[in-house]
Amino acid sequence: MVKVIDSVQRRIEAGQGLITGVLGEMRRRWRWFDHLARAYERYSEQHGDRLAAALTFYAFLAFFPLTALAFALVGYAVAVDPHARELVSDAIKQILPGLADQLHVNEIAQAKAGAGAIGLVGLLWGGLGLIGALRESLRTIWQVDPGGGGNLLMKKIWDLIVLVLLGLSLLASVVVSSFATSATQIVLSWLGIADVPGAGTMVRLLSVTVAIAADMVIFFVMFSRLSGTRASWRRLVKGTLFGAIGLEVLKLLGTYLVGHTTRNPIYASFAVLTGVLIWINLASRFMLFTASWTATRSAILRADADNPELADCTAPPVTAPEKTKHSPAA
């Protein structure tokens, strides 16, 4: 029995050594893969999964009061623009792909006064708590003092500004996406090619492009305002693009994964809430990994080297001793 256990252990160790060797060779051969590895190492060292769990808790608590407040404001805005409620519903669908239709948002929308009061109180508690947790998580990934120093009142005021900016960015993306899609369909109809094969694909690609641009703005607000980085916006563009494209792919996968979860009879009446938690956690993990990928870019490390807080944390990235001529820069 002991010989069998020893044999199995040796095989496992040999397999681990083989995998380590293959990964090491891949890191030496491809800089982009080495960059991904460095990003994952930083994410793991800073306990990214635990940070994502904290973000999930705060985001879950903040989502419903913020939704109530949004619909309360829409209740008054409908008198000016009949499509205001539809825009907020579309924004929620972007946040919770595959789940928004299962939430009874219309019941929240009908209670303007009560929803507004509850939403405002929830905003001050849950929303600011979410932004505070997001700031600490991003600064931890960036290896900066999580507290950030400064006056507590001023930090809360700044957190409120960031929260409003993120909300406006999301609504603006929905408005621009709806306008771009409608305008494209009108132009296609005017040209008489609306029914031509491929026209629908072009409209969908335009919608995805607008969504990616909006996601880039959201990532840019988070990274530039909350992470403590000294890098300029030009150096953050690649990170925001990486995050935006990845988030759209995650939305497609999340629609299937969360939809499969909510149909599971084990969760019964808790299926929707479970789906919300799973999706928020997936999005939080990916967002923090994107932060780690951005923070480990050579350009960002050089820019942050000028920051005294980061002086001890911005050592040059691990570079491969062997490089191929066709290896793309990270």
C-alpha atoms as a PDB file:
ATOM      1  CA  MET A   1       0.000   0.000   0.000  1.00  0.00           C
ATOM      2  CA  VAL A   2       2.833   2.361   0.912  1.00  0.00           C
ATOM      3  CA  LYS A   3       4.567   1.597  -2.395  1.00  0.00           C
ATOM      4  CA  VAL A   4       1.362   2.404  -4.288  1.00  0.00           C
ATOM      5  CA  ILE A   5       0.995   5.732  -2.478  1.00  0.00           C
ATOM      6  CA  ASP A   6       4.647   6.599  -3.124  1.00  0.00           C
ATOM      7  CA  SER A   7       4.255   5.700  -6.794  1.00  0.00           C
ATOM      8  CA  VAL A   8       1.167   7.863  -7.153  1.00  0.00           C
ATOM      9  CA  GLN A   9       2.888  10.743  -5.352  1.00  0.00           C
ATOM     10  CA  ARG A  10       5.916  10.506  -7.666  1.00  0.00           C
ATOM     11  CA  ARG A  11       3.676  10.547 -10.711  1.00  0.00           C
ATOM     12  CA  ILE A  12       1.817  13.599  -9.402  1.00  0.00           C
ATOM     13  CA  GLU A  13       5.100  15.404  -8.739  1.00  0.00           C
ATOM     14  CA  ALA A  14       6.376  14.449 -12.171  1.00  0.00           C
ATOM     15  CA  GLY A  15       3.164  15.753 -13.723  1.00  0.00           C
ATOM     16  CA  GLN A  16       3.453  19.004 -11.781  1.00  0.00           C
ATOM     17  CA  GLY A  17       7.056  19.375 -12.887  1.00  0.00           C
ATOM     18  CA  LEU A  18       6.059  18.780 -16.503  1.00  0.00           C
ATOM     19  CA  ILE A  19       3.283  21.366 -16.321  1.00  0.00           C
ATOM     20  CA  THR A  20       5.614  23.864 -14.646  1.00  0.00           C
ATOM     21  CA  GLY A  21       8.193  23.316 -17.350  1.00  0.00           C
ATOM     22  CA  VAL A  22       5.647  23.760 -20.146  1.00  0.00           C
ATOM     23  CA  LEU A  23       4.286  26.953 -18.568  1.00  0.00           C
ATOM     24  CA  GLY A  24       7.809  28.277 -18.063  1.00  0.00           C
ATOM     25  CA  GLU A  25       8.628  27.625 -21.719  1.00  0.00           C
ATOM     26  CA  MET A  26       5.413  29.368 -22.777  1.00  0.00           C
ATOM     27  CA  ARG A  27       6.326  32.386 -20.622  1.00  0.00           C
ATOM     28  CA  ARG A  28       9.772  32.533 -22.236  1.00  0.00           C
ATOM     29  CA  ARG A  29       8.336  32.200 -25.717  1.00  0.00           C
ATOM     30  CA  TRP A  30       5.380  34.618 -25.524  1.00  0.00           C
ATOM     31  CA  ARG A  31       5.479  37.931 -23.673  1.00  0.00           C
ATOM     32  CA  TRP A  32       1.684  38.230 -23.663  1.00  0.00           C
ATOM     33  CA  PHE A  33       1.438  34.886 -21.841  1.00  0.00           C
ATOM     34  CA  ASP A  34       4.152  35.957 -19.392  1.00  0.00           C
ATOM     35  CA  HIS A  35       2.129  39.100 -18.739  1.00  0.00           C
ATOM     36  CA  LEU A  36      -0.993  37.045 -18.013  1.00  0.00           C
ATOM     37  CA  ALA A  37       1.036  34.877 -15.633  1.00  0.00           C
ATOM     38  CA  ARG A  38       2.408  37.917 -13.804  1.00  0.00           C
ATOM     39  CA  ALA A  39      -1.089  39.373 -13.553  1.00  0.00           C
ATOM     40  CA  TYR A  40      -2.421  36.121 -12.076  1.00  0.00           C
ATOM     41  CA  GLU A  41       0.476  35.960  -9.607  1.00  0.00           C
ATOM     42  CA  ARG A  42      -0.266  39.466  -8.354  1.00  0.00           C
ATOM     43  CA  TYR A  43      -4.006  38.701  -8.209  1.00  0.00           C
ATOM     44  CA  SER A  44      -3.322  35.589  -6.110  1.00  0.00           C
ATOM     45  CA  GLU A  45      -0.739  37.241  -3.854  1.00  0.00           C
ATOM     46  CA  GLN A  46      -3.171  40.070  -3.053  1.00  0.00           C
ATOM     47  CA  HIS A  47      -5.999  37.557  -2.357  1.00  0.00           C
ATOM     48  CA  GLY A  48      -8.102  38.709  -5.289  1.00  0.00           C
ATOM     49  CA  ASP A  49     -10.834  36.128  -4.689  1.00  0.00           C
ATOM     50  CA  ARG A  50     -11.374  37.409  -1.139  1.00  0.00           C
ATOM     51  CA  LEU A  51     -11.471  40.998  -2.348  1.00  0.00           C
ATOM     52  CA  ALA A  52     -14.029  39.964  -4.971  1.00  0.00           C
ATOM     53  CA  ALA A  53     -16.131  38.333  -2.253  1.00  0.00           C
ATOM     54  CA  ALA A  54     -16.186  41.597  -0.293  1.00  0.00           C
ATOM     55  CA  LEU A  55     -17.141  43.513  -3.441  1.00  0.00           C
ATOM     56  CA  THR A  56     -19.912  40.993  -4.116  1.00  0.00           C
ATOM     57  CA  PHE A  57     -21.375  41.586  -0.647  1.00  0.00           C
ATOM     58  CA  TYR A  58     -21.397  45.368  -0.983  1.00  0.00           C
ATOM     59  CA  ALA A  59     -22.614  45.294  -4.598  1.00  0.00           C
ATOM     60  CA  PHE A  60     -25.475  42.965  -3.693  1.00  0.00           C
ATOM     61  CA  LEU A  61     -26.566  45.232  -0.843  1.00  0.00           C
ATOM     62  CA  ALA A  62     -26.276  48.332  -3.020  1.00  0.00           C
ATOM     63  CA  PHE A  63     -27.965  47.014  -6.154  1.00  0.00           C
ATOM     64  CA  PHE A  64     -31.581  46.956  -5.010  1.00  0.00           C
ATOM     65  CA  PRO A  65     -31.715  50.365  -3.286  1.00  0.00           C
ATOM     66  CA  LEU A  66     -29.918  51.909  -6.262  1.00  0.00           C
ATOM     67  CA  THR A  67     -32.450  50.263  -8.577  1.00  0.00           C
ATOM     68  CA  ALA A  68     -35.277  51.649  -6.440  1.00  0.00           C
ATOM     69  CA  LEU A  69     -33.772  55.134  -6.551  1.00  0.00           C
ATOM     70  CA  ALA A  70     -33.265  54.936 -10.337  1.00  0.00           C
ATOM     71  CA  PHE A  71     -36.884  53.977 -10.941  1.00  0.00           C
ATOM     72  CA  ALA A  72     -38.074  56.611  -8.492  1.00  0.00           C
ATOM     73  CA  LEU A  73     -36.257  59.260 -10.518  1.00  0.00           C
ATOM     74  CA  VAL A  74     -37.650  57.714 -13.696  1.00  0.00           C
ATOM     75  CA  GLY A  75     -41.136  57.994 -12.250  1.00  0.00           C
ATOM     76  CA  TYR A  76     -40.758  61.754 -12.441  1.00  0.00           C
ATOM     77  CA  ALA A  77     -38.754  61.750 -15.670  1.00  0.00           C
ATOM     78  CA  VAL A  78     -41.446  59.846 -17.598  1.00  0.00           C
ATOM     79  CA  ALA A  79     -43.465  63.052 -17.748  1.00  0.00           C
ATOM     80  CA  VAL A  80     -40.618  64.568 -19.768  1.00  0.00           C
ATOM     81  CA  ASP A  81     -39.484  61.511 -21.737  1.00  0.00           C
ATOM     82  CA  PRO A  82     -41.796  58.474 -22.063  1.00  0.00           C
ATOM     83  CA  HIS A  83     -38.813  56.267 -22.904  1.00  0.00           C
ATOM     84  CA  ALA A  84     -36.959  56.993 -19.640  1.00  0.00           C
ATOM     85  CA  ARG A  85     -38.207  53.839 -17.911  1.00  0.00           C
ATOM     86  CA  GLU A  86     -37.193  51.712 -20.867  1.00  0.00           C
ATOM     87  CA  LEU A  87     -33.668  53.133 -20.745  1.00  0.00           C
ATOM     88  CA  VAL A  88     -33.292  52.234 -17.067  1.00  0.00           C
ATOM     89  CA  SER A  89     -34.615  48.726 -17.771  1.00  0.00           C
ATOM     90  CA  ASP A  90     -32.056  48.334 -20.553  1.00  0.00           C
ATOM     91  CA  ALA A  91     -29.305  49.527 -18.204  1.00  0.00           C
ATOM     92  CA  ILE A  92     -30.305  46.885 -15.652  1.00  0.00           C
ATOM     93  CA  LYS A  93     -30.232  44.262 -18.404  1.00  0.00           C
ATOM     94  CA  GLN A  94     -26.644  45.262 -19.140  1.00  0.00           C
ATOM     95  CA  ILE A  95     -25.712  44.924 -15.484  1.00  0.00           C
ATOM     96  CA  LEU A  96     -27.512  41.613 -14.987  1.00  0.00           C
ATOM     97  CA  PRO A  97     -27.537  39.720 -18.307  1.00  0.00           C
ATOM     98  CA  GLY A  98     -30.194  37.032 -18.280  1.00  0.00           C
ATOM     99  CA  LEU A  99     -31.559  38.069 -14.883  1.00  0.00           C
ATOM    100  CA  ALA A 100     -33.218  41.458 -15.340  1.00  0.00           C
ATOM    101  CA  ASP A 101     -36.386  39.943 -16.800  1.00  0.00           C
ATOM    102  CA  GLN A 102     -36.815  37.788 -13.691  1.00  0.00           C
ATOM    103  CA  LEU A 103     -36.792  40.758 -11.304  1.00  0.00           C
ATOM    104  CA  HIS A 104     -40.079  42.519 -10.528  1.00  0.00           C
ATOM    105  CA  VAL A 105     -38.709  45.934 -11.342  1.00  0.00           C
ATOM    106  CA  ASN A 106     -42.104  47.313 -12.388  1.00  0.00           C
ATOM    107  CA  GLU A 107     -43.379  46.932  -8.828  1.00  0.00           C
ATOM    108  CA  ILE A 108     -40.451  49.022  -7.632  1.00  0.00           C
ATOM    109  CA  ALA A 109     -41.058  51.584 -10.367  1.00  0.00           C
ATOM    110  CA  GLN A 110     -44.683  52.124  -9.318  1.00  0.00           C
ATOM    111  CA  ALA A 111     -43.749  53.213  -5.783  1.00  0.00           C
ATOM    112  CA  LYS A 112     -42.042  56.517  -6.577  1.00  0.00           C
ATOM    113  CA  ALA A 113     -42.039  58.199  -3.182  1.00  0.00           C
ATOM    114  CA  GLY A 114     -41.300  55.131  -1.064  1.00  0.00           C
ATOM    115  CA  ALA A 115     -38.734  53.792  -3.488  1.00  0.00           C
ATOM    116  CA  GLY A 116     -37.066  57.187  -3.627  1.00  0.00           C
ATOM    117  CA  ALA A 117     -36.710  57.451   0.152  1.00  0.00           C
ATOM    118  CA  ILE A 118     -35.515  53.867   0.522  1.00  0.00           C
ATOM    119  CA  GLY A 119     -33.191  54.236  -2.444  1.00  0.00           C
ATOM    120  CA  LEU A 120     -31.662  57.449  -1.121  1.00  0.00           C
ATOM    121  CA  VAL A 121     -30.916  55.900   2.278  1.00  0.00           C
ATOM    122  CA  GLY A 122     -29.610  52.753   0.590  1.00  0.00           C
ATOM    123  CA  LEU A 123     -27.481  54.891  -1.699  1.00  0.00           C
ATOM    124  CA  LEU A 124     -25.781  56.606   1.227  1.00  0.00           C
ATOM    125  CA  TRP A 125     -25.090  53.304   2.965  1.00  0.00           C
ATOM    126  CA  GLY A 126     -24.782  50.615   0.305  1.00  0.00           C
ATOM    127  CA  GLY A 127     -23.576  52.702  -2.618  1.00  0.00           C
ATOM    128  CA  LEU A 128     -20.846  54.504  -0.720  1.00  0.00           C
ATOM    129  CA  GLY A 129     -19.849  51.237   0.949  1.00  0.00           C
ATOM    130  CA  LEU A 130     -19.501  49.666  -2.493  1.00  0.00           C
ATOM    131  CA  ILE A 131     -17.293  52.456  -3.834  1.00  0.00           C
ATOM    132  CA  GLY A 132     -15.215  52.383  -0.644  1.00  0.00           C
ATOM    133  CA  ALA A 133     -14.705  48.624  -0.963  1.00  0.00           C
ATOM    134  CA  LEU A 134     -13.915  49.039  -4.657  1.00  0.00           C
ATOM    135  CA  ARG A 135     -11.311  51.714  -3.907  1.00  0.00           C
ATOM    136  CA  GLU A 136      -9.626  49.587  -1.240  1.00  0.00           C
ATOM    137  CA  SER A 137      -9.654  46.517  -3.500  1.00  0.00           C
ATOM    138  CA  LEU A 138      -8.133  48.344  -6.463  1.00  0.00           C
ATOM    139  CA  ARG A 139      -5.479  49.992  -4.291  1.00  0.00           C
ATOM    140  CA  THR A 140      -4.653  46.595  -2.788  1.00  0.00           C
ATOM    141  CA  ILE A 141      -4.216  45.116  -6.272  1.00  0.00           C
ATOM    142  CA  TRP A 142      -2.071  48.115  -7.182  1.00  0.00           C
ATOM    143  CA  GLN A 143      -0.085  47.502  -3.961  1.00  0.00           C
ATOM    144  CA  VAL A 144      -0.833  50.913  -2.488  1.00  0.00           C
ATOM    145  CA  ASP A 145      -2.022  51.812   1.013  1.00  0.00           C
ATOM    146  CA  PRO A 146      -5.684  50.623   0.887  1.00  0.00           C
ATOM    147  CA  GLY A 147      -6.870  53.484   3.089  1.00  0.00           C
ATOM    148  CA  GLY A 148      -5.368  56.124   0.872  1.00  0.00           C
ATOM    149  CA  GLY A 149      -5.128  58.655   3.698  1.00  0.00           C
ATOM    150  CA  GLY A 150      -6.923  61.974   3.510  1.00  0.00           C
ATOM    151  CA  ASN A 151     -10.003  63.373   5.200  1.00  0.00           C
ATOM    152  CA  LEU A 152     -12.808  60.845   5.719  1.00  0.00           C
ATOM    153  CA  LEU A 153     -15.553  63.315   4.773  1.00  0.00           C
ATOM    154  CA  MET A 154     -13.764  64.325   1.579  1.00  0.00           C
ATOM    155  CA  LYS A 155     -13.244  60.684   0.630  1.00  0.00           C
ATOM    156  CA  LYS A 156     -16.967  60.010   1.047  1.00  0.00           C
ATOM    157  CA  ILE A 157     -17.823  63.043  -1.065  1.00  0.00           C
ATOM    158  CA  TRP A 158     -15.405  61.839  -3.735  1.00  0.00           C
ATOM    159  CA  ASP A 159     -16.877  58.325  -3.528  1.00  0.00           C
ATOM    160  CA  LEU A 160     -20.328  59.810  -4.138  1.00  0.00           C
ATOM    161  CA  ILE A 161     -19.011  61.678  -7.194  1.00  0.00           C
ATOM    162  CA  VAL A 162     -17.469  58.468  -8.562  1.00  0.00           C
ATOM    163  CA  LEU A 163     -20.729  56.586  -7.948  1.00  0.00           C
ATOM    164  CA  VAL A 164     -22.677  59.224  -9.879  1.00  0.00           C
ATOM    165  CA  LEU A 165     -20.117  59.150 -12.708  1.00  0.00           C
ATOM    166  CA  LEU A 166     -20.389  55.376 -13.003  1.00  0.00           C
ATOM    167  CA  GLY A 167     -24.190  55.540 -13.044  1.00  0.00           C
ATOM    168  CA  LEU A 168     -24.233  58.293 -15.663  1.00  0.00           C
ATOM    169  CA  SER A 169     -21.711  56.377 -17.782  1.00  0.00           C
ATOM    170  CA  LEU A 170     -23.959  53.322 -17.745  1.00  0.00           C
ATOM    171  CA  LEU A 171     -27.086  55.291 -18.658  1.00  0.00           C
ATOM    172  CA  ALA A 172     -25.206  57.211 -21.340  1.00  0.00           C
ATOM    173  CA  SER A 173     -24.022  53.949 -22.875  1.00  0.00           C
ATOM    174  CA  VAL A 174     -27.613  52.703 -23.085  1.00  0.00           C
ATOM    175  CA  VAL A 175     -28.792  55.972 -24.664  1.00  0.00           C
ATOM    176  CA  VAL A 176     -25.953  56.030 -27.208  1.00  0.00           C
ATOM    177  CA  SER A 177     -26.372  52.328 -27.995  1.00  0.00           C
ATOM    178  CA  SER A 178     -30.136  52.711 -28.523  1.00  0.00           C
ATOM    179  CA  PHE A 179     -29.646  55.802 -30.668  1.00  0.00           C
ATOM    180  CA  ALA A 180     -26.882  54.208 -32.752  1.00  0.00           C
ATOM    181  CA  THR A 181     -28.902  51.026 -33.304  1.00  0.00           C
ATOM    182  CA  SER A 182     -32.067  52.929 -34.233  1.00  0.00           C
ATOM    183  CA  ALA A 183     -30.168  55.307 -36.527  1.00  0.00           C
ATOM    184  CA  THR A 184     -28.442  52.405 -38.281  1.00  0.00           C
ATOM    185  CA  GLN A 185     -31.730  50.590 -38.831  1.00  0.00           C
ATOM    186  CA  ILE A 186     -33.297  53.764 -40.236  1.00  0.00           C
ATOM    187  CA  VAL A 187     -30.392  54.284 -42.614  1.00  0.00           C
ATOM    188  CA  LEU A 188     -30.522  50.645 -43.746  1.00  0.00           C
ATOM    189  CA  SER A 189     -34.263  50.944 -44.354  1.00  0.00           C
ATOM    190  CA  TRP A 190     -33.763  54.222 -46.226  1.00  0.00           C
ATOM    191  CA  LEU A 191     -31.174  52.542 -48.448  1.00  0.00           C
ATOM    192  CA  GLY A 192     -33.473  49.557 -48.928  1.00  0.00           C
ATOM    193  CA  ILE A 193     -30.992  47.007 -47.585  1.00  0.00           C
ATOM    194  CA  ALA A 194     -32.532  46.325 -44.165  1.00  0.00           C
ATOM    195  CA  ASP A 195     -33.468  42.787 -45.233  1.00  0.00           C
ATOM    196  CA  VAL A 196     -30.166  42.047 -46.926  1.00  0.00           C
ATOM    197  CA  PRO A 197     -28.289  39.125 -45.299  1.00  0.00           C
ATOM    198  CA  GLY A 198     -25.646  40.499 -42.963  1.00  0.00           C
ATOM    199  CA  ALA A 199     -27.460  43.752 -42.176  1.00  0.00           C
ATOM    200  CA  GLY A 200     -28.653  42.424 -38.828  1.00  0.00           C
ATOM    201  CA  THR A 201     -25.118  41.282 -37.992  1.00  0.00           C
ATOM    202  CA  MET A 202     -23.817  44.770 -38.714  1.00  0.00           C
ATOM    203  CA  VAL A 203     -26.360  46.270 -36.324  1.00  0.00           C
ATOM    204  CA  ARG A 204     -25.382  43.805 -33.592  1.00  0.00           C
ATOM    205  CA  LEU A 205     -21.681  44.526 -34.125  1.00  0.00           C
ATOM    206  CA  LEU A 206     -22.386  48.234 -33.796  1.00  0.00           C
ATOM    207  CA  SER A 207     -24.253  47.609 -30.549  1.00  0.00           C
ATOM    208  CA  VAL A 208     -21.355  45.531 -29.181  1.00  0.00           C
ATOM    209  CA  THR A 209     -18.846  48.206 -30.231  1.00  0.00           C
ATOM    210  CA  VAL A 210     -20.792  50.888 -28.376  1.00  0.00           C
ATOM    211  CA  ALA A 211     -21.040  48.611 -25.312  1.00  0.00           C
ATOM    212  CA  ILE A 212     -17.264  48.051 -25.364  1.00  0.00           C
ATOM    213  CA  ALA A 213     -16.657  51.803 -25.587  1.00  0.00           C
ATOM    214  CA  ALA A 214     -18.968  52.385 -22.617  1.00  0.00           C
ATOM    215  CA  ASP A 215     -17.258  49.652 -20.600  1.00  0.00           C
ATOM    216  CA  MET A 216     -13.915  51.301 -21.348  1.00  0.00           C
ATOM    217  CA  VAL A 217     -15.201  54.538 -19.819  1.00  0.00           C
ATOM    218  CA  ILE A 218     -16.342  52.698 -16.689  1.00  0.00           C
ATOM    219  CA  PHE A 219     -12.985  50.921 -16.299  1.00  0.00           C
ATOM    220  CA  PHE A 220     -11.182  54.197 -16.902  1.00  0.00           C
ATOM    221  CA  VAL A 221     -13.160  55.950 -14.152  1.00  0.00           C
ATOM    222  CA  MET A 222     -12.388  53.143 -11.711  1.00  0.00           C
ATOM    223  CA  PHE A 223      -8.702  52.825 -12.517  1.00  0.00           C
ATOM    224  CA  SER A 224      -7.886  56.510 -12.797  1.00  0.00           C
ATOM    225  CA  ARG A 225      -9.941  57.747  -9.834  1.00  0.00           C
ATOM    226  CA  LEU A 226      -9.772  54.885  -7.328  1.00  0.00           C
ATOM    227  CA  SER A 227      -6.594  52.845  -7.829  1.00  0.00           C
ATOM    228  CA  GLY A 228      -4.002  55.408  -6.762  1.00  0.00           C
ATOM    229  CA  THR A 229      -2.002  55.004  -9.988  1.00  0.00           C
ATOM    230  CA  ARG A 230       0.153  57.814 -11.350  1.00  0.00           C
ATOM    231  CA  ALA A 231      -0.161  56.558 -14.929  1.00  0.00           C
ATOM    232  CA  SER A 232      -1.719  58.866 -17.509  1.00  0.00           C
ATOM    233  CA  TRP A 233      -4.974  58.014 -19.242  1.00  0.00           C
ATOM    234  CA  ARG A 234      -3.053  57.079 -22.410  1.00  0.00           C
ATOM    235  CA  ARG A 235      -1.242  54.344 -20.518  1.00  0.00           C
ATOM    236  CA  LEU A 236      -4.497  53.051 -19.058  1.00  0.00           C
ATOM    237  CA  VAL A 237      -6.219  52.637 -22.420  1.00  0.00           C
ATOM    238  CA  LYS A 238      -4.918  49.108 -23.072  1.00  0.00           C
ATOM    239  CA  GLY A 239      -6.099  47.965 -19.649  1.00  0.00           C
ATOM    240  CA  THR A 240      -9.561  49.457 -20.134  1.00  0.00           C
ATOM    241  CA  LEU A 241      -9.822  47.861 -23.578  1.00  0.00           C
ATOM    242  CA  PHE A 242      -8.736  44.489 -22.172  1.00  0.00           C
ATOM    243  CA  GLY A 243     -11.382  44.788 -19.455  1.00  0.00           C
ATOM    244  CA  ALA A 244     -14.138  46.013 -21.776  1.00  0.00           C
ATOM    245  CA  ILE A 245     -13.729  43.204 -24.317  1.00  0.00           C
ATOM    246  CA  GLY A 246     -13.408  40.602 -21.569  1.00  0.00           C
ATOM    247  CA  LEU A 247     -16.512  41.899 -19.805  1.00  0.00           C
ATOM    248  CA  GLU A 248     -18.611  41.638 -22.963  1.00  0.00           C
ATOM    249  CA  VAL A 249     -17.411  38.052 -23.456  1.00  0.00           C
ATOM    250  CA  LEU A 250     -18.182  37.356 -19.798  1.00  0.00           C
ATOM    251  CA  LYS A 251     -21.704  38.714 -20.305  1.00  0.00           C
ATOM    252  CA  LEU A 252     -22.295  36.190 -23.077  1.00  0.00           C
ATOM    253  CA  LEU A 253     -20.978  33.331 -20.944  1.00  0.00           C
ATOM    254  CA  GLY A 254     -22.717  34.674 -17.838  1.00  0.00           C
ATOM    255  CA  THR A 255     -26.093  34.666 -19.570  1.00  0.00           C
ATOM    256  CA  TYR A 256     -25.780  30.907 -20.072  1.00  0.00           C
ATOM    257  CA  LEU A 257     -24.173  30.136 -16.706  1.00  0.00           C
ATOM    258  CA  VAL A 258     -26.531  32.239 -14.597  1.00  0.00           C
ATOM    259  CA  GLY A 259     -29.541  31.097 -16.615  1.00  0.00           C
ATOM    260  CA  HIS A 260     -28.568  27.465 -15.981  1.00  0.00           C
ATOM    261  CA  THR A 261     -28.208  28.214 -12.264  1.00  0.00           C
ATOM    262  CA  THR A 262     -31.591  29.909 -11.927  1.00  0.00           C
ATOM    263  CA  ARG A 263     -33.300  26.928 -13.581  1.00  0.00           C
ATOM    264  CA  ASN A 264     -31.818  24.565 -11.007  1.00  0.00           C
ATOM    265  CA  PRO A 265     -34.703  23.340  -8.767  1.00  0.00           C
ATOM    266  CA  ILE A 266     -32.323  23.056  -5.811  1.00  0.00           C
ATOM    267  CA  TYR A 267     -32.351  26.836  -5.364  1.00  0.00           C
ATOM    268  CA  ALA A 268     -36.154  27.074  -5.717  1.00  0.00           C
ATOM    269  CA  SER A 269     -37.344  30.547  -4.659  1.00  0.00           C
ATOM    270  CA  PHE A 270     -33.756  31.715  -4.079  1.00  0.00           C
ATOM    271  CA  ALA A 271     -32.743  31.078  -7.692  1.00  0.00           C
ATOM    272  CA  VAL A 272     -32.791  34.712  -8.816  1.00  0.00           C
ATOM    273  CA  LEU A 273     -30.868  35.945  -5.775  1.00  0.00           C
ATOM    274  CA  THR A 274     -28.344  33.143  -6.230  1.00  0.00           C
ATOM    275  CA  GLY A 275     -27.959  34.086  -9.872  1.00  0.00           C
ATOM    276  CA  VAL A 276     -27.393  37.737  -8.955  1.00  0.00           C
ATOM    277  CA  LEU A 277     -24.705  36.778  -6.445  1.00  0.00           C
ATOM    278  CA  ILE A 278     -22.940  34.447  -8.881  1.00  0.00           C
ATOM    279  CA  TRP A 279     -22.909  37.050 -11.646  1.00  0.00           C
ATOM    280  CA  ILE A 280     -21.686  39.872  -9.400  1.00  0.00           C
ATOM    281  CA  ASN A 281     -18.905  37.635  -8.071  1.00  0.00           C
ATOM    282  CA  LEU A 282     -17.782  36.633 -11.572  1.00  0.00           C
ATOM    283  CA  ALA A 283     -17.765  40.264 -12.700  1.00  0.00           C
ATOM    284  CA  SER A 284     -15.880  41.342  -9.553  1.00  0.00           C
ATOM    285  CA  ARG A 285     -13.191  38.695 -10.030  1.00  0.00           C
ATOM    286  CA  PHE A 286     -12.689  39.631 -13.640  1.00  0.00           C
ATOM    287  CA  MET A 287     -12.569  43.355 -12.842  1.00  0.00           C
ATOM    288  CA  LEU A 288      -9.861  42.811 -10.222  1.00  0.00           C
ATOM    289  CA  PHE A 289      -7.913  40.545 -12.572  1.00  0.00           C
ATOM    290  CA  THR A 290      -8.128  43.299 -15.190  1.00  0.00           C
ATOM    291  CA  ALA A 291      -6.758  45.707 -12.589  1.00  0.00           C
ATOM    292  CA  SER A 292      -3.896  43.288 -11.932  1.00  0.00           C
ATOM    293  CA  TRP A 293      -3.238  42.915 -15.678  1.00  0.00           C
ATOM    294  CA  THR A 294      -3.166  46.692 -16.055  1.00  0.00           C
ATOM    295  CA  ALA A 295      -0.994  47.276 -12.988  1.00  0.00           C
ATOM    296  CA  THR A 296       1.632  44.795 -14.217  1.00  0.00           C
ATOM    297  CA  ARG A 297       2.071  46.412 -17.619  1.00  0.00           C
ATOM    298  CA  SER A 298       5.594  47.771 -18.057  1.00  0.00           C
ATOM    299  CA  ALA A 299       4.309  51.262 -18.913  1.00  0.00           C
ATOM    300  CA  ILE A 300       2.195  51.400 -15.751  1.00  0.00           C
ATOM    301  CA  LEU A 301       5.031  50.115 -13.562  1.00  0.00           C
ATOM    302  CA  ARG A 302       7.361  52.794 -14.882  1.00  0.00           C
ATOM    303  CA  ALA A 303       4.776  55.531 -14.328  1.00  0.00           C
ATOM    304  CA  ASP A 304       3.999  54.357 -10.796  1.00  0.00           C
ATOM    305  CA  ALA A 305       7.698  54.198  -9.933  1.00  0.00           C
ATOM    306  CA  ASP A 306       7.511  57.979  -9.464  1.00  0.00           C
ATOM    307  CA  ASN A 307       4.932  57.479  -6.706  1.00  0.00           C
ATOM    308  CA  PRO A 308       6.568  57.205  -3.234  1.00  0.00           C
ATOM    309  CA  GLU A 309       3.757  54.879  -2.113  1.00  0.00           C
ATOM    310  CA  LEU A 310       4.609  52.480  -4.908  1.00  0.00           C
ATOM    311  CA  ALA A 311       8.395  52.819  -4.932  1.00  0.00           C
ATOM    312  CA  ASP A 312       8.929  49.472  -3.231  1.00  0.00           C
ATOM    313  CA  CYS A 313       6.274  47.698  -5.262  1.00  0.00           C
ATOM    314  CA  THR A 314       7.158  48.578  -8.831  1.00  0.00           C
ATOM    315  CA  ALA A 315      10.096  46.347  -9.545  1.00  0.00           C
ATOM    316  CA  PRO A 316      10.581  45.631 -13.249  1.00  0.00           C
ATOM    317  CA  PRO A 317       8.338  42.828 -14.459  1.00  0.00           C
ATOM    318  CA  VAL A 318       9.680  39.344 -14.955  1.00  0.00           C
ATOM    319  CA  THR A 319      11.013  39.246 -18.481  1.00  0.00           C
ATOM    320  CA  ALA A 320      11.809  36.249 -20.537  1.00  0.00           C
ATOM    321  CA  PRO A 321      15.474  35.524 -21.214  1.00  0.00           C
ATOM    322  CA  GLU A 322      14.545  34.342 -24.680  1.00  0.00           C
ATOM    323  CA  LYS A 323      12.298  36.333 -26.968  1.00  0.00           C
ATOM    324  CA  THR A 324      11.092  35.621 -30.418  1.00  0.00           C
ATOM    325  CA  LYS A 325      11.135  38.319 -33.036  1.00  0.00           C
ATOM    326  CA  HIS A 326       7.390  38.149 -33.470  1.00  0.00           C
ATOM    327  CA  SER A 327       6.416  38.345 -29.789  1.00  0.00           C
ATOM    328  CA  PRO A 328       3.876  41.178 -29.235  1.00  0.00           C
ATOM    329  CA  ALA A 329       4.528  43.632 -26.426  1.00  0.00           C
ATOM    330  CA  ALA A 330       2.466  43.248 -23.272  1.00  0.00           C
END
